Amino acid sequence: MKKDLHPKYNPVIFIDMTTGTRFVSRSTKTSERKEIIDGVEYSLISIGVTSSSHPFYTGQNQFVDTEGRIDKFQKRFGAVRRVLKPKVG
């Protein structure tokens, strides 16, 4: 196997910017912000949305589609008719 072919995995902490929840993991991404936990240095990476703040996972603000997609399309474009091309010949 070739040397230096695979990226280096680093210990990281992903922080949800909305809730402040922290997820300890490993990633190829690093950051200049560091934090030491139990003698291990972790890079701190801020994330906008995680499972702790996403509305689908938290059960808040669920959007339910009451009309089907076809109904919506026909409501918007139902009055528009195609103009047939005249037959030649």
PDB file of N, CA and C in Angstrom:
ATOM      1  N   MET A   1       0.839  -1.171   0.000  1.00  0.00           N
ATOM      2  CA  MET A   1       0.000   0.000   0.000  1.00  0.00           C
ATOM      3  C   MET A   1       0.896   1.250   0.000  1.00  0.00           C
ATOM      4  N   LYS A   2       0.461   2.293  -0.705  1.00  0.00           N
ATOM      5  CA  LYS A   2       1.250   3.515  -0.791  1.00  0.00           C
ATOM      6  C   LYS A   2       1.210   4.272   0.527  1.00  0.00           C
ATOM      7  N   LYS A   3       2.295   4.942   0.845  1.00  0.00           N
ATOM      8  CA  LYS A   3       2.351   5.775   2.041  1.00  0.00           C
ATOM      9  C   LYS A   3       1.603   7.076   1.792  1.00  0.00           C
ATOM     10  N   ASP A   4       1.041   7.633   2.850  1.00  0.00           N
ATOM     11  CA  ASP A   4       0.341   8.925   2.821  1.00  0.00           C
ATOM     12  C   ASP A   4      -0.785   8.973   1.800  1.00  0.00           C
ATOM     13  N   LEU A   5      -1.400   7.838   1.516  1.00  0.00           N
ATOM     14  CA  LEU A   5      -2.507   7.793   0.574  1.00  0.00           C
ATOM     15  C   LEU A   5      -3.814   8.201   1.240  1.00  0.00           C
ATOM     16  N   HIS A   6      -4.011   7.729   2.452  1.00  0.00           N
ATOM     17  CA  HIS A   6      -5.247   8.014   3.163  1.00  0.00           C
ATOM     18  C   HIS A   6      -5.104   9.263   4.021  1.00  0.00           C
ATOM     19  N   PRO A   7      -6.190  10.033   4.171  1.00  0.00           N
ATOM     20  CA  PRO A   7      -6.117  11.237   5.006  1.00  0.00           C
ATOM     21  C   PRO A   7      -5.952  10.860   6.479  1.00  0.00           C
ATOM     22  N   LYS A   8      -5.393  11.765   7.250  1.00  0.00           N
ATOM     23  CA  LYS A   8      -5.172  11.540   8.675  1.00  0.00           C
ATOM     24  C   LYS A   8      -6.448  11.869   9.448  1.00  0.00           C
ATOM     25  N   TYR A   9      -6.871  10.935  10.292  1.00  0.00           N
ATOM     26  CA  TYR A   9      -8.026  11.171  11.150  1.00  0.00           C
ATOM     27  C   TYR A   9      -7.561  11.804  12.446  1.00  0.00           C
ATOM     28  N   ASN A  10      -8.293  12.833  12.867  1.00  0.00           N
ATOM     29  CA  ASN A  10      -7.959  13.567  14.083  1.00  0.00           C
ATOM     30  C   ASN A  10      -9.139  13.523  15.047  1.00  0.00           C
ATOM     31  N   PRO A  11      -8.879  13.529  16.342  1.00  0.00           N
ATOM     32  CA  PRO A  11      -9.986  13.619  17.302  1.00  0.00           C
ATOM     33  C   PRO A  11     -10.577  15.033  17.263  1.00  0.00           C
ATOM     34  N   VAL A  12     -11.902  15.108  17.131  1.00  0.00           N
ATOM     35  CA  VAL A  12     -12.575  16.407  17.050  1.00  0.00           C
ATOM     36  C   VAL A  12     -13.799  16.424  17.951  1.00  0.00           C
ATOM     37  N   ILE A  13     -14.238  17.632  18.269  1.00  0.00           N
ATOM     38  CA  ILE A  13     -15.501  17.853  18.961  1.00  0.00           C
ATOM     39  C   ILE A  13     -16.333  18.745  18.060  1.00  0.00           C
ATOM     40  N   PHE A  14     -17.492  18.231  17.618  1.00  0.00           N
ATOM     41  CA  PHE A  14     -18.426  19.028  16.837  1.00  0.00           C
ATOM     42  C   PHE A  14     -19.380  19.700  17.806  1.00  0.00           C
ATOM     43  N   ILE A  15     -19.523  21.022  17.688  1.00  0.00           N
ATOM     44  CA  ILE A  15     -20.381  21.788  18.590  1.00  0.00           C
ATOM     45  C   ILE A  15     -21.542  22.360  17.799  1.00  0.00           C
ATOM     46  N   ASP A  16     -22.773  22.075  18.249  1.00  0.00           N
ATOM     47  CA  ASP A  16     -23.966  22.652  17.640  1.00  0.00           C
ATOM     48  C   ASP A  16     -24.055  24.107  18.084  1.00  0.00           C
ATOM     49  N   MET A  17     -24.041  25.040  17.147  1.00  0.00           N
ATOM     50  CA  MET A  17     -24.044  26.466  17.482  1.00  0.00           C
ATOM     51  C   MET A  17     -25.364  26.897  18.109  1.00  0.00           C
ATOM     52  N   THR A  18     -26.463  26.195  17.808  1.00  0.00           N
ATOM     53  CA  THR A  18     -27.762  26.580  18.344  1.00  0.00           C
ATOM     54  C   THR A  18     -27.959  26.103  19.773  1.00  0.00           C
ATOM     55  N   THR A  19     -27.697  24.830  20.024  1.00  0.00           N
ATOM     56  CA  THR A  19     -27.987  24.257  21.339  1.00  0.00           C
ATOM     57  C   THR A  19     -26.761  24.118  22.230  1.00  0.00           C
ATOM     58  N   GLY A  20     -25.569  24.150  21.644  1.00  0.00           N
ATOM     59  CA  GLY A  20     -24.355  23.982  22.427  1.00  0.00           C
ATOM     60  C   GLY A  20     -24.003  22.530  22.694  1.00  0.00           C
ATOM     61  N   THR A  21     -24.750  21.601  22.122  1.00  0.00           N
ATOM     62  CA  THR A  21     -24.476  20.177  22.290  1.00  0.00           C
ATOM     63  C   THR A  21     -23.154  19.823  21.628  1.00  0.00           C
ATOM     64  N   ARG A  22     -22.401  18.953  22.290  1.00  0.00           N
ATOM     65  CA  ARG A  22     -21.083  18.557  21.782  1.00  0.00           C
ATOM     66  C   ARG A  22     -21.094  17.080  21.421  1.00  0.00           C
ATOM     67  N   PHE A  23     -20.472  16.765  20.280  1.00  0.00           N
ATOM     68  CA  PHE A  23     -20.332  15.390  19.816  1.00  0.00           C
ATOM     69  C   PHE A  23     -18.848  15.107  19.654  1.00  0.00           C
ATOM     70  N   VAL A  24     -18.344  14.116  20.366  1.00  0.00           N
ATOM     71  CA  VAL A  24     -16.936  13.735  20.262  1.00  0.00           C
ATOM     72  C   VAL A  24     -16.829  12.684  19.169  1.00  0.00           C
ATOM     73  N   SER A  25     -15.917  12.906  18.238  1.00  0.00           N
ATOM     74  CA  SER A  25     -15.768  11.991  17.114  1.00  0.00           C
ATOM     75  C   SER A  25     -14.362  12.107  16.548  1.00  0.00           C
ATOM     76  N   ARG A  26     -14.164  11.538  15.367  1.00  0.00           N
ATOM     77  CA  ARG A  26     -12.918  11.691  14.622  1.00  0.00           C
ATOM     78  C   ARG A  26     -13.261  12.186  13.237  1.00  0.00           C
ATOM     79  N   SER A  27     -12.364  12.988  12.671  1.00  0.00           N
ATOM     80  CA  SER A  27     -12.616  13.538  11.357  1.00  0.00           C
ATOM     81  C   SER A  27     -11.303  13.905  10.689  1.00  0.00           C
ATOM     82  N   THR A  28     -11.350  14.084   9.378  1.00  0.00           N
ATOM     83  CA  THR A  28     -10.179  14.572   8.659  1.00  0.00           C
ATOM     84  C   THR A  28     -10.083  16.087   8.763  1.00  0.00           C
ATOM     85  N   LYS A  29     -11.162  16.722   9.173  1.00  0.00           N
ATOM     86  CA  LYS A  29     -11.190  18.174   9.324  1.00  0.00           C
ATOM     87  C   LYS A  29     -10.549  18.560  10.660  1.00  0.00           C
ATOM     88  N   THR A  30      -9.845  19.684  10.662  1.00  0.00           N
ATOM     89  CA  THR A  30      -9.232  20.176  11.893  1.00  0.00           C
ATOM     90  C   THR A  30      -9.581  21.649  12.072  1.00  0.00           C
ATOM     91  N   SER A  31      -9.211  22.171  13.203  1.00  0.00           N
ATOM     92  CA  SER A  31      -9.480  23.566  13.522  1.00  0.00           C
ATOM     93  C   SER A  31      -8.342  24.101  14.375  1.00  0.00           C
ATOM     94  N   GLU A  32      -8.172  25.407  14.359  1.00  0.00           N
ATOM     95  CA  GLU A  32      -7.153  26.010  15.219  1.00  0.00           C
ATOM     96  C   GLU A  32      -7.626  26.082  16.662  1.00  0.00           C
ATOM     97  N   ARG A  33      -8.952  26.075  16.868  1.00  0.00           N
ATOM     98  CA  ARG A  33      -9.493  26.067  18.223  1.00  0.00           C
ATOM     99  C   ARG A  33      -9.325  24.665  18.787  1.00  0.00           C
ATOM    100  N   LYS A  34      -8.772  24.556  19.963  1.00  0.00           N
ATOM    101  CA  LYS A  34      -8.489  23.256  20.585  1.00  0.00           C
ATOM    102  C   LYS A  34      -9.091  23.195  21.980  1.00  0.00           C
ATOM    103  N   GLU A  35      -9.342  21.981  22.430  1.00  0.00           N
ATOM    104  CA  GLU A  35      -9.801  21.739  23.797  1.00  0.00           C
ATOM    105  C   GLU A  35      -9.210  20.406  24.242  1.00  0.00           C
ATOM    106  N   ILE A  36      -8.758  20.352  25.495  1.00  0.00           N
ATOM    107  CA  ILE A  36      -8.157  19.130  26.015  1.00  0.00           C
ATOM    108  C   ILE A  36      -9.142  18.475  26.982  1.00  0.00           C
ATOM    109  N   ILE A  37      -9.452  17.199  26.703  1.00  0.00           N
ATOM    110  CA  ILE A  37     -10.337  16.417  27.561  1.00  0.00           C
ATOM    111  C   ILE A  37      -9.622  15.108  27.864  1.00  0.00           C
ATOM    112  N   ASP A  38      -9.448  14.819  29.144  1.00  0.00           N
ATOM    113  CA  ASP A  38      -8.770  13.591  29.595  1.00  0.00           C
ATOM    114  C   ASP A  38      -7.409  13.404  28.930  1.00  0.00           C
ATOM    115  N   GLY A  39      -6.685  14.476  28.753  1.00  0.00           N
ATOM    116  CA  GLY A  39      -5.346  14.406  28.197  1.00  0.00           C
ATOM    117  C   GLY A  39      -5.281  14.301  26.680  1.00  0.00           C
ATOM    118  N   VAL A  40      -6.433  14.316  26.011  1.00  0.00           N
ATOM    119  CA  VAL A  40      -6.470  14.242  24.547  1.00  0.00           C
ATOM    120  C   VAL A  40      -6.862  15.604  24.003  1.00  0.00           C
ATOM    121  N   GLU A  41      -6.094  16.100  23.040  1.00  0.00           N
ATOM    122  CA  GLU A  41      -6.377  17.399  22.437  1.00  0.00           C
ATOM    123  C   GLU A  41      -7.342  17.219  21.261  1.00  0.00           C
ATOM    124  N   TYR A  42      -8.474  17.906  21.335  1.00  0.00           N
ATOM    125  CA  TYR A  42      -9.505  17.829  20.304  1.00  0.00           C
ATOM    126  C   TYR A  42      -9.601  19.168  19.577  1.00  0.00           C
ATOM    127  N   SER A  43      -9.839  19.117  18.276  1.00  0.00           N
ATOM    128  CA  SER A  43     -10.159  20.321  17.515  1.00  0.00           C
ATOM    129  C   SER A  43     -11.634  20.620  17.714  1.00  0.00           C
ATOM    130  N   LEU A  44     -11.994  21.891  17.868  1.00  0.00           N
ATOM    131  CA  LEU A  44     -13.385  22.291  18.025  1.00  0.00           C
ATOM    132  C   LEU A  44     -13.915  22.764  16.677  1.00  0.00           C
ATOM    133  N   ILE A  45     -14.981  22.142  16.204  1.00  0.00           N
ATOM    134  CA  ILE A  45     -15.586  22.500  14.926  1.00  0.00           C
ATOM    135  C   ILE A  45     -17.044  22.850  15.175  1.00  0.00           C
ATOM    136  N   SER A  46     -17.435  24.071  14.806  1.00  0.00           N
ATOM    137  CA  SER A  46     -18.814  24.521  14.978  1.00  0.00           C
ATOM    138  C   SER A  46     -19.656  24.109  13.786  1.00  0.00           C
ATOM    139  N   ILE A  47     -20.872  23.630  14.077  1.00  0.00           N
ATOM    140  CA  ILE A  47     -21.806  23.195  13.046  1.00  0.00           C
ATOM    141  C   ILE A  47     -23.132  23.916  13.279  1.00  0.00           C
ATOM    142  N   GLY A  48     -23.771  24.342  12.217  1.00  0.00           N
ATOM    143  CA  GLY A  48     -25.022  25.079  12.322  1.00  0.00           C
ATOM    144  C   GLY A  48     -26.206  24.232  12.722  1.00  0.00           C
ATOM    145  N   VAL A  49     -26.330  23.038  12.167  1.00  0.00           N
ATOM    146  CA  VAL A  49     -27.491  22.186  12.442  1.00  0.00           C
ATOM    147  C   VAL A  49     -27.016  20.759  12.691  1.00  0.00           C
ATOM    148  N   THR A  50     -27.479  20.177  13.787  1.00  0.00           N
ATOM    149  CA  THR A  50     -27.212  18.770  14.090  1.00  0.00           C
ATOM    150  C   THR A  50     -28.533  18.107  14.475  1.00  0.00           C
ATOM    151  N   SER A  51     -28.463  16.855  14.860  1.00  0.00           N
ATOM    152  CA  SER A  51     -29.684  16.143  15.245  1.00  0.00           C
ATOM    153  C   SER A  51     -30.318  16.726  16.504  1.00  0.00           C
ATOM    154  N   SER A  52     -29.559  17.453  17.306  1.00  0.00           N
ATOM    155  CA  SER A  52     -30.130  18.041  18.527  1.00  0.00           C
ATOM    156  C   SER A  52     -30.861  19.352  18.262  1.00  0.00           C
ATOM    157  N   SER A  53     -30.675  19.950  17.070  1.00  0.00           N
ATOM    158  CA  SER A  53     -31.359  21.209  16.786  1.00  0.00           C
ATOM    159  C   SER A  53     -32.209  21.182  15.520  1.00  0.00           C
ATOM    160  N   HIS A  54     -32.123  20.131  14.714  1.00  0.00           N
ATOM    161  CA  HIS A  54     -32.897  20.065  13.482  1.00  0.00           C
ATOM    162  C   HIS A  54     -34.362  19.782  13.803  1.00  0.00           C
ATOM    163  N   PRO A  55     -35.294  20.542  13.210  1.00  0.00           N
ATOM    164  CA  PRO A  55     -36.715  20.366  13.530  1.00  0.00           C
ATOM    165  C   PRO A  55     -37.247  18.959  13.277  1.00  0.00           C
ATOM    166  N   PHE A  56     -36.721  18.260  12.302  1.00  0.00           N
ATOM    167  CA  PHE A  56     -37.204  16.908  12.029  1.00  0.00           C
ATOM    168  C   PHE A  56     -36.903  15.972  13.195  1.00  0.00           C
ATOM    169  N   TYR A  57     -35.726  16.087  13.776  1.00  0.00           N
ATOM    170  CA  TYR A  57     -35.322  15.195  14.859  1.00  0.00           C
ATOM    171  C   TYR A  57     -35.859  15.635  16.218  1.00  0.00           C
ATOM    172  N   THR A  58     -36.085  16.921  16.401  1.00  0.00           N
ATOM    173  CA  THR A  58     -36.568  17.401  17.693  1.00  0.00           C
ATOM    174  C   THR A  58     -38.086  17.349  17.807  1.00  0.00           C
ATOM    175  N   GLY A  59     -38.790  17.218  16.662  1.00  0.00           N
ATOM    176  CA  GLY A  59     -40.249  17.160  16.699  1.00  0.00           C
ATOM    177  C   GLY A  59     -40.890  18.530  16.718  1.00  0.00           C
ATOM    178  N   GLN A  60     -40.120  19.567  16.624  1.00  0.00           N
ATOM    179  CA  GLN A  60     -40.659  20.923  16.606  1.00  0.00           C
ATOM    180  C   GLN A  60     -40.863  21.352  15.161  1.00  0.00           C
ATOM    181  N   ASN A  61     -41.890  22.137  14.946  1.00  0.00           N
ATOM    182  CA  ASN A  61     -42.099  22.788  13.653  1.00  0.00           C
ATOM    183  C   ASN A  61     -42.123  21.777  12.511  1.00  0.00           C
ATOM    184  N   GLN A  62     -42.993  20.781  12.630  1.00  0.00           N
ATOM    185  CA  GLN A  62     -43.110  19.807  11.555  1.00  0.00           C
ATOM    186  C   GLN A  62     -43.991  20.368  10.452  1.00  0.00           C
ATOM    187  N   PHE A  63     -43.570  20.191   9.235  1.00  0.00           N
ATOM    188  CA  PHE A  63     -44.333  20.622   8.078  1.00  0.00           C
ATOM    189  C   PHE A  63     -45.003  19.400   7.464  1.00  0.00           C
ATOM    190  N   VAL A  64     -46.311  19.456   7.368  1.00  0.00           N
ATOM    191  CA  VAL A  64     -47.044  18.349   6.780  1.00  0.00           C
ATOM    192  C   VAL A  64     -47.663  18.847   5.486  1.00  0.00           C
ATOM    193  N   ASP A  65     -47.394  18.169   4.402  1.00  0.00           N
ATOM    194  CA  ASP A  65     -47.927  18.533   3.105  1.00  0.00           C
ATOM    195  C   ASP A  65     -49.367  18.041   3.023  1.00  0.00           C
ATOM    196  N   THR A  66     -50.345  18.978   3.109  1.00  0.00           N
ATOM    197  CA  THR A  66     -51.745  18.572   3.090  1.00  0.00           C
ATOM    198  C   THR A  66     -52.246  18.356   1.676  1.00  0.00           C
ATOM    199  N   GLU A  67     -51.676  19.065   0.718  1.00  0.00           N
ATOM    200  CA  GLU A  67     -52.053  18.863  -0.675  1.00  0.00           C
ATOM    201  C   GLU A  67     -50.967  18.045  -1.356  1.00  0.00           C
ATOM    202  N   GLY A  68     -51.371  17.213  -2.263  1.00  0.00           N
ATOM    203  CA  GLY A  68     -50.389  16.436  -3.006  1.00  0.00           C
ATOM    204  C   GLY A  68     -49.651  17.312  -4.003  1.00  0.00           C
ATOM    205  N   ARG A  69     -48.537  16.829  -4.479  1.00  0.00           N
ATOM    206  CA  ARG A  69     -47.743  17.601  -5.434  1.00  0.00           C
ATOM    207  C   ARG A  69     -48.482  17.801  -6.750  1.00  0.00           C
ATOM    208  N   ILE A  70     -49.202  16.781  -7.189  1.00  0.00           N
ATOM    209  CA  ILE A  70     -49.939  16.893  -8.450  1.00  0.00           C
ATOM    210  C   ILE A  70     -51.040  17.934  -8.315  1.00  0.00           C
ATOM    211  N   ASP A  71     -51.747  17.924  -7.171  1.00  0.00           N
ATOM    212  CA  ASP A  71     -52.799  18.915  -6.952  1.00  0.00           C
ATOM    213  C   ASP A  71     -52.243  20.320  -6.960  1.00  0.00           C
ATOM    214  N   LYS A  72     -51.105  20.517  -6.332  1.00  0.00           N
ATOM    215  CA  LYS A  72     -50.483  21.839  -6.321  1.00  0.00           C
ATOM    216  C   LYS A  72     -50.103  22.275  -7.734  1.00  0.00           C
ATOM    217  N   PHE A  73     -49.536  21.340  -8.501  1.00  0.00           N
ATOM    218  CA  PHE A  73     -49.130  21.665  -9.858  1.00  0.00           C
ATOM    219  C   PHE A  73     -50.343  22.046 -10.700  1.00  0.00           C
ATOM    220  N   GLN A  74     -51.409  21.268 -10.612  1.00  0.00           N
ATOM    221  CA  GLN A  74     -52.594  21.566 -11.411  1.00  0.00           C
ATOM    222  C   GLN A  74     -53.276  22.838 -10.953  1.00  0.00           C
ATOM    223  N   LYS A  75     -53.190  23.153  -9.693  1.00  0.00           N
ATOM    224  CA  LYS A  75     -53.760  24.400  -9.197  1.00  0.00           C
ATOM    225  C   LYS A  75     -53.012  25.596  -9.785  1.00  0.00           C
ATOM    226  N   ARG A  76     -51.682  25.477  -9.867  1.00  0.00           N
ATOM    227  CA  ARG A  76     -50.878  26.580 -10.398  1.00  0.00           C
ATOM    228  C   ARG A  76     -50.935  26.678 -11.912  1.00  0.00           C
ATOM    229  N   PHE A  77     -50.891  25.528 -12.572  1.00  0.00           N
ATOM    230  CA  PHE A  77     -50.748  25.537 -14.024  1.00  0.00           C
ATOM    231  C   PHE A  77     -51.917  24.876 -14.742  1.00  0.00           C
ATOM    232  N   GLY A  78     -52.984  24.613 -14.047  1.00  0.00           N
ATOM    233  CA  GLY A  78     -54.119  23.914 -14.654  1.00  0.00           C
ATOM    234  C   GLY A  78     -54.780  24.709 -15.765  1.00  0.00           C
ATOM    235  N   ALA A  79     -54.796  26.024 -15.655  1.00  0.00           N
ATOM    236  CA  ALA A  79     -55.445  26.865 -16.661  1.00  0.00           C
ATOM    237  C   ALA A  79     -54.603  27.017 -17.920  1.00  0.00           C
ATOM    238  N   VAL A  80     -53.342  26.711 -17.828  1.00  0.00           N
ATOM    239  CA  VAL A  80     -52.459  26.847 -18.981  1.00  0.00           C
ATOM    240  C   VAL A  80     -52.664  25.636 -19.885  1.00  0.00           C
ATOM    241  N   ARG A  81     -53.006  25.907 -21.142  1.00  0.00           N
ATOM    242  CA  ARG A  81     -53.207  24.842 -22.110  1.00  0.00           C
ATOM    243  C   ARG A  81     -52.082  24.864 -23.131  1.00  0.00           C
ATOM    244  N   ARG A  82     -51.735  23.713 -23.607  1.00  0.00           N
ATOM    245  CA  ARG A  82     -50.706  23.640 -24.645  1.00  0.00           C
ATOM    246  C   ARG A  82     -51.340  24.004 -25.976  1.00  0.00           C
ATOM    247  N   VAL A  83     -50.630  24.770 -26.755  1.00  0.00           N
ATOM    248  CA  VAL A  83     -51.069  25.110 -28.093  1.00  0.00           C
ATOM    249  C   VAL A  83     -50.465  24.076 -29.043  1.00  0.00           C
ATOM    250  N   LEU A  84     -51.331  23.388 -29.762  1.00  0.00           N
ATOM    251  CA  LEU A  84     -50.860  22.361 -30.680  1.00  0.00           C
ATOM    252  C   LEU A  84     -50.300  22.989 -31.950  1.00  0.00           C
ATOM    253  N   LYS A  85     -49.235  22.411 -32.430  1.00  0.00           N
ATOM    254  CA  LYS A  85     -48.653  22.894 -33.669  1.00  0.00           C
ATOM    255  C   LYS A  85     -49.529  22.471 -34.835  1.00  0.00           C
ATOM    256  N   PRO A  86     -49.723  23.349 -35.813  1.00  0.00           N
ATOM    257  CA  PRO A  86     -50.540  22.949 -36.976  1.00  0.00           C
ATOM    258  C   PRO A  86     -49.820  21.856 -37.769  1.00  0.00           C
ATOM    259  N   LYS A  87     -50.613  20.931 -38.274  1.00  0.00           N
ATOM    260  CA  LYS A  87     -50.044  19.838 -39.056  1.00  0.00           C
ATOM    261  C   LYS A  87     -49.670  20.342 -40.442  1.00  0.00           C
ATOM    262  N   VAL A  88     -48.511  19.952 -40.856  1.00  0.00           N
ATOM    263  CA  VAL A  88     -48.021  20.362 -42.166  1.00  0.00           C
ATOM    264  C   VAL A  88     -48.301  19.232 -43.148  1.00  0.00           C
ATOM    265  N   GLY A  89     -48.927  19.602 -44.281  1.00  0.00           N
ATOM    266  CA  GLY A  89     -49.060  18.639 -45.351  1.00  0.00           C
ATOM    267  C   GLY A  89     -50.345  18.077 -45.539  1.00  0.00           C
TER     268      GLY A  89
END
